[in-house]
Amino acid sequence: MATYTPRFPGSGTLIEETLIEGEAEGRAEGRAEDILRILDRRGVEVSEAVRERITSCADLEVLGTWLDRSLTATSAEELFAEA
């Protein structure tokens, strides 16, 4: 018996891959902005080097760790501490 596999326009194509990649980049950018906003609201000073490191990171897992740490960090450098 044959199974039905739906094929939507763009499914499995370069277009779909590009859209998925763009969505991931957007989530990373948003998470980086959230980290910087939290640090700003908490009065934690962020150097240009730290800001660049946060905004250039595309790894959502790493950004999630930094986001969690931004809630309690007393310095921006604490975000990058080895756990």
N, C-alpha and C. Protein backbone atom coordinates (compact mmCIF):
# COMPACT_ATOMS: atom_id res chain seq x y z
N MET A 1 0.84 -1.17 0.00
CA MET A 1 0.00 0.00 0.00
C MET A 1 0.89 1.24 0.00
N ALA A 2 0.59 2.16 -0.86
CA ALA A 2 1.36 3.39 -0.99
C ALA A 2 0.95 4.38 0.10
N THR A 3 1.91 5.15 0.54
CA THR A 3 1.61 6.19 1.51
C THR A 3 1.59 7.53 0.79
N TYR A 4 0.75 8.40 1.28
CA TYR A 4 0.62 9.73 0.69
C TYR A 4 1.53 10.69 1.43
N THR A 5 2.40 11.34 0.69
CA THR A 5 3.29 12.35 1.25
C THR A 5 2.95 13.68 0.59
N PRO A 6 2.35 14.58 1.35
CA PRO A 6 1.98 15.86 0.74
C PRO A 6 3.22 16.68 0.37
N ARG A 7 3.17 17.33 -0.74
CA ARG A 7 4.25 18.20 -1.19
C ARG A 7 3.67 19.59 -1.39
N PHE A 8 3.96 20.45 -0.48
CA PHE A 8 3.51 21.82 -0.61
C PHE A 8 4.49 22.59 -1.47
N PRO A 9 4.03 23.62 -2.14
CA PRO A 9 4.96 24.42 -2.97
C PRO A 9 6.12 24.92 -2.12
N GLY A 10 7.31 24.67 -2.60
CA GLY A 10 8.50 25.13 -1.90
C GLY A 10 9.03 24.14 -0.89
N SER A 11 8.29 23.07 -0.62
CA SER A 11 8.72 22.09 0.38
C SER A 11 9.99 21.39 -0.06
N GLY A 12 11.01 21.43 0.79
CA GLY A 12 12.28 20.77 0.50
C GLY A 12 13.12 21.49 -0.53
N THR A 13 12.79 22.70 -0.84
CA THR A 13 13.52 23.44 -1.85
C THR A 13 14.44 24.47 -1.20
N LEU A 14 15.23 25.09 -2.04
CA LEU A 14 16.10 26.16 -1.59
C LEU A 14 15.28 27.30 -0.97
N ILE A 15 14.11 27.55 -1.50
CA ILE A 15 13.25 28.61 -0.96
C ILE A 15 12.87 28.28 0.48
N GLU A 16 12.44 27.04 0.72
CA GLU A 16 12.05 26.64 2.06
C GLU A 16 13.25 26.72 3.01
N GLU A 17 14.38 26.22 2.57
CA GLU A 17 15.59 26.25 3.41
C GLU A 17 15.97 27.69 3.74
N THR A 18 15.85 28.58 2.78
CA THR A 18 16.17 29.99 3.01
C THR A 18 15.21 30.61 4.02
N LEU A 19 13.93 30.28 3.90
CA LEU A 19 12.94 30.80 4.86
C LEU A 19 13.23 30.30 6.27
N ILE A 20 13.53 29.02 6.39
CA ILE A 20 13.83 28.45 7.71
C ILE A 20 15.08 29.10 8.30
N GLU A 21 16.09 29.29 7.47
CA GLU A 21 17.33 29.93 7.92
C GLU A 21 17.06 31.37 8.37
N GLY A 22 16.24 32.08 7.61
CA GLY A 22 15.89 33.46 7.96
C GLY A 22 15.13 33.54 9.27
N GLU A 23 14.24 32.58 9.49
CA GLU A 23 13.49 32.56 10.75
C GLU A 23 14.43 32.33 11.93
N ALA A 24 15.38 31.43 11.77
CA ALA A 24 16.35 31.16 12.85
C ALA A 24 17.19 32.39 13.14
N GLU A 25 17.62 33.08 12.08
CA GLU A 25 18.40 34.31 12.27
C GLU A 25 17.58 35.36 12.99
N GLY A 26 16.31 35.46 12.64
CA GLY A 26 15.42 36.42 13.30
C GLY A 26 15.24 36.11 14.77
N ARG A 27 15.10 34.83 15.11
CA ARG A 27 14.98 34.44 16.51
C ARG A 27 16.26 34.76 17.27
N ALA A 28 17.40 34.52 16.66
CA ALA A 28 18.68 34.82 17.31
C ALA A 28 18.82 36.33 17.54
N GLU A 29 18.48 37.11 16.54
CA GLU A 29 18.56 38.57 16.69
C GLU A 29 17.64 39.05 17.80
N GLY A 30 16.44 38.51 17.84
CA GLY A 30 15.48 38.89 18.88
C GLY A 30 15.96 38.53 20.27
N ARG A 31 16.54 37.34 20.40
CA ARG A 31 17.05 36.90 21.69
C ARG A 31 18.22 37.78 22.14
N ALA A 32 19.09 38.13 21.21
CA ALA A 32 20.21 39.02 21.54
C ALA A 32 19.70 40.38 22.01
N GLU A 33 18.69 40.89 21.33
CA GLU A 33 18.09 42.17 21.74
C GLU A 33 17.49 42.06 23.14
N ASP A 34 16.85 40.93 23.43
CA ASP A 34 16.27 40.72 24.76
C ASP A 34 17.34 40.73 25.84
N ILE A 35 18.45 40.06 25.57
CA ILE A 35 19.56 40.02 26.54
C ILE A 35 20.05 41.42 26.83
N LEU A 36 20.30 42.19 25.77
CA LEU A 36 20.80 43.55 25.94
C LEU A 36 19.79 44.43 26.66
N ARG A 37 18.52 44.24 26.37
CA ARG A 37 17.48 45.04 27.03
C ARG A 37 17.42 44.73 28.52
N ILE A 38 17.49 43.45 28.85
CA ILE A 38 17.46 43.07 30.27
C ILE A 38 18.65 43.67 31.01
N LEU A 39 19.83 43.54 30.43
CA LEU A 39 21.02 44.10 31.07
C LEU A 39 20.88 45.61 31.24
N ASP A 40 20.36 46.28 30.23
CA ASP A 40 20.16 47.72 30.30
C ASP A 40 19.19 48.09 31.41
N ARG A 41 18.06 47.41 31.48
CA ARG A 41 17.04 47.71 32.49
C ARG A 41 17.54 47.43 33.90
N ARG A 42 18.45 46.48 34.02
CA ARG A 42 19.00 46.14 35.33
C ARG A 42 20.18 47.04 35.69
N GLY A 43 20.58 47.92 34.77
CA GLY A 43 21.68 48.84 35.04
C GLY A 43 23.05 48.21 34.90
N VAL A 44 23.15 47.10 34.18
CA VAL A 44 24.43 46.42 33.97
C VAL A 44 25.09 47.04 32.74
N GLU A 45 26.30 47.54 32.95
CA GLU A 45 27.04 48.19 31.85
C GLU A 45 27.51 47.15 30.84
N VAL A 46 27.32 47.46 29.56
CA VAL A 46 27.70 46.55 28.48
C VAL A 46 28.71 47.25 27.58
N SER A 47 29.91 46.69 27.51
CA SER A 47 30.94 47.27 26.64
C SER A 47 30.60 46.97 25.18
N GLU A 48 31.25 47.68 24.28
CA GLU A 48 31.03 47.45 22.86
C GLU A 48 31.46 46.03 22.46
N ALA A 49 32.52 45.52 23.06
CA ALA A 49 32.98 44.16 22.75
C ALA A 49 31.94 43.12 23.18
N VAL A 50 31.34 43.30 24.34
CA VAL A 50 30.31 42.38 24.82
C VAL A 50 29.08 42.48 23.94
N ARG A 51 28.68 43.70 23.61
CA ARG A 51 27.53 43.91 22.73
C ARG A 51 27.74 43.21 21.39
N GLU A 52 28.93 43.32 20.83
CA GLU A 52 29.26 42.67 19.55
C GLU A 52 29.21 41.16 19.69
N ARG A 53 29.73 40.63 20.78
CA ARG A 53 29.71 39.18 20.98
C ARG A 53 28.28 38.65 21.07
N ILE A 54 27.43 39.37 21.75
CA ILE A 54 26.03 38.96 21.90
C ILE A 54 25.29 39.05 20.57
N THR A 55 25.43 40.17 19.88
CA THR A 55 24.67 40.36 18.63
C THR A 55 25.19 39.52 17.48
N SER A 56 26.43 39.07 17.54
CA SER A 56 26.97 38.26 16.44
C SER A 56 26.75 36.77 16.65
N CYS A 57 26.25 36.37 17.82
CA CYS A 57 26.02 34.96 18.10
C CYS A 57 24.73 34.51 17.40
N ALA A 58 24.79 33.38 16.72
CA ALA A 58 23.63 32.82 16.02
C ALA A 58 23.16 31.51 16.64
N ASP A 59 23.81 31.07 17.71
CA ASP A 59 23.47 29.81 18.36
C ASP A 59 22.37 30.05 19.39
N LEU A 60 21.15 29.58 19.09
CA LEU A 60 20.02 29.83 19.97
C LEU A 60 20.20 29.21 21.35
N GLU A 61 20.88 28.10 21.43
CA GLU A 61 21.12 27.46 22.72
C GLU A 61 22.03 28.31 23.60
N VAL A 62 23.09 28.82 23.02
CA VAL A 62 24.02 29.70 23.74
C VAL A 62 23.30 30.98 24.15
N LEU A 63 22.55 31.55 23.23
CA LEU A 63 21.81 32.77 23.53
C LEU A 63 20.80 32.53 24.66
N GLY A 64 20.19 31.35 24.69
CA GLY A 64 19.26 31.01 25.77
C GLY A 64 19.96 30.97 27.12
N THR A 65 21.16 30.41 27.14
CA THR A 65 21.95 30.39 28.37
C THR A 65 22.28 31.81 28.81
N TRP A 66 22.71 32.63 27.85
CA TRP A 66 23.04 34.02 28.20
C TRP A 66 21.80 34.78 28.66
N LEU A 67 20.65 34.50 28.06
CA LEU A 67 19.41 35.16 28.46
C LEU A 67 19.10 34.82 29.92
N ASP A 68 19.20 33.54 30.26
CA ASP A 68 18.96 33.13 31.65
C ASP A 68 19.93 33.83 32.61
N ARG A 69 21.19 33.88 32.23
CA ARG A 69 22.20 34.51 33.08
C ARG A 69 22.01 36.02 33.19
N SER A 70 21.44 36.64 32.15
CA SER A 70 21.26 38.10 32.17
C SER A 70 20.29 38.53 33.27
N LEU A 71 19.46 37.61 33.73
CA LEU A 71 18.49 37.94 34.77
C LEU A 71 19.13 38.16 36.13
N THR A 72 20.32 37.58 36.34
CA THR A 72 20.96 37.68 37.66
C THR A 72 22.38 38.22 37.61
N ALA A 73 22.96 38.37 36.44
CA ALA A 73 24.36 38.79 36.31
C ALA A 73 24.56 40.19 36.88
N THR A 74 25.68 40.37 37.56
CA THR A 74 26.02 41.69 38.07
C THR A 74 26.98 42.42 37.14
N SER A 75 27.57 41.66 36.18
CA SER A 75 28.39 42.26 35.13
C SER A 75 28.11 41.51 33.84
N ALA A 76 28.27 42.19 32.73
CA ALA A 76 28.00 41.57 31.43
C ALA A 76 28.92 40.39 31.16
N GLU A 77 30.12 40.42 31.68
CA GLU A 77 31.08 39.35 31.47
C GLU A 77 30.61 38.04 32.11
N GLU A 78 29.75 38.12 33.12
CA GLU A 78 29.23 36.92 33.77
C GLU A 78 28.42 36.05 32.80
N LEU A 79 27.90 36.65 31.76
CA LEU A 79 27.14 35.87 30.77
C LEU A 79 27.97 34.78 30.17
N PHE A 80 29.27 35.03 30.00
CA PHE A 80 30.15 34.13 29.27
C PHE A 80 30.90 33.16 30.15
N ALA A 81 30.63 33.15 31.46
CA ALA A 81 31.34 32.28 32.39
C ALA A 81 31.09 30.82 32.04
N GLU A 82 32.14 30.02 32.17
CA GLU A 82 31.99 28.57 31.94
C GLU A 82 31.19 27.99 33.09
N ALA A 83 30.24 27.15 32.73
CA ALA A 83 29.38 26.55 33.77
C ALA A 83 29.93 25.25 34.28
